[in-house]
Protein backbone atom coordinates (compact mmCIF):
# COMPACT_ATOMS: atom_id res chain seq x y z
CA MET A 1 81.69 129.50 75.80
CA LYS A 2 80.77 127.09 72.51
CA ARG A 3 80.28 124.19 74.99
CA ALA A 4 78.01 126.05 76.76
CA GLY A 5 75.60 126.60 73.96
CA ARG A 6 77.15 130.27 73.33
CA THR A 7 79.58 132.23 70.89
CA ARG A 8 81.56 135.19 70.88
CA PHE A 9 78.72 137.21 69.78
CA ASP A 10 76.56 136.60 72.74
CA PRO A 11 76.61 139.19 75.17
CA VAL A 12 79.42 138.38 78.14
CA PHE A 13 78.79 140.99 81.74
CA VAL A 14 81.70 141.25 83.81
CA ILE A 15 81.82 142.61 87.63
CA CYS A 16 84.11 142.05 90.43
CA ARG A 17 83.90 144.34 93.90
CA SER A 18 84.00 147.80 92.63
CA GLY A 19 85.24 147.64 88.63
CA GLY A 20 89.19 147.80 88.17
CA ARG A 21 89.63 143.55 87.85
CA SER A 22 86.41 143.28 85.74
CA ALA A 23 87.64 146.46 83.48
CA ILE A 24 90.37 144.27 82.76
CA ALA A 25 88.97 141.21 82.09
CA ALA A 26 86.78 142.80 79.43
CA ARG A 27 89.50 144.11 77.88
CA GLN A 28 91.08 140.36 77.83
CA LEU A 29 87.28 138.85 76.53
CA VAL A 30 87.57 141.73 73.65
CA ASP A 31 91.34 140.96 72.57
CA ALA A 32 90.34 137.23 72.69
CA GLY A 33 87.75 138.25 70.03
CA TYR A 34 84.45 138.53 71.95
CA THR A 35 82.47 141.49 70.43
CA ASN A 36 79.75 142.10 72.80
CA VAL A 37 81.07 142.74 76.21
CA TRP A 38 79.80 144.81 79.07
CA ASN A 39 81.68 145.20 82.14
CA LEU A 40 80.05 147.25 84.97
CA VAL A 41 81.94 150.15 85.15
CA GLU A 42 81.23 150.93 89.11
CA GLY A 43 81.05 147.15 90.33
CA PHE A 44 78.94 145.46 92.75
CA GLU A 45 80.12 147.13 95.69
CA GLY A 46 81.36 150.92 94.41
CA ASP A 47 83.85 153.00 95.85
CA LYS A 48 85.09 153.37 99.59
CA ASN A 49 83.70 156.37 101.38
CA PRO A 50 87.04 158.21 102.40
CA GLU A 51 85.06 159.16 105.69
CA THR A 52 84.15 155.90 106.87
CA GLY A 53 86.19 153.49 104.78
CA GLN A 54 83.19 151.72 103.65
CA ARG A 55 82.19 150.65 100.20
CA GLU A 56 79.14 152.67 100.03
CA LEU A 57 79.37 155.51 97.16
CA ASN A 58 78.42 153.90 94.27
CA GLY A 59 77.69 150.59 92.47
CA TRP A 60 75.31 148.21 91.47
CA ARG A 61 74.00 147.07 95.72
CA ASN A 62 74.67 150.87 96.61
CA ALA A 63 72.20 151.99 93.86
CA GLY A 64 69.40 149.63 95.46
CA LEU A 65 69.45 147.47 92.16
CA PRO A 66 68.62 143.85 92.80
CA TRP A 67 70.66 140.97 94.04
CA ALA A 68 70.95 138.21 96.06
CA TYR A 69 72.90 135.36 98.11
CA LYS A 70 71.04 132.45 96.25
CA LEU A 71 69.80 132.80 92.64
CA SER A 72 66.92 130.45 91.22
CA SER A 73 66.94 128.92 87.92
CA ASP A 74 64.37 132.07 87.22
CA THR A 75 67.12 134.36 87.63
CA ALA A 76 70.28 132.70 86.82
CA TRP A 77 71.29 131.69 83.26
CA GLN A 78 71.43 128.05 83.06
CA PRO A 79 73.61 126.08 80.51
CA ALA A 80 71.70 124.36 77.84
CA THR A 81 71.50 120.66 77.70
CA GLY A 82 73.01 118.39 75.68
CA ASN A 83 70.79 116.34 73.11
């Protein structure tokens, strides 16, 4: 991360489909010395509905929070350019 202009003290947000894999990744980052790690517990798609088998019970997308397939430089972090 230092190469990208970040340190172990800067915030790191981790997300996966349902929250399980990102929880493991977040723990590994903490164990590696990162001090400001955040995991999106419900994940992007959330849990499966037992009646439909679809991931539609919770999660970022199902909460109606903003997301897109394509990100512009206004909405995505861009690495610092070398000086």
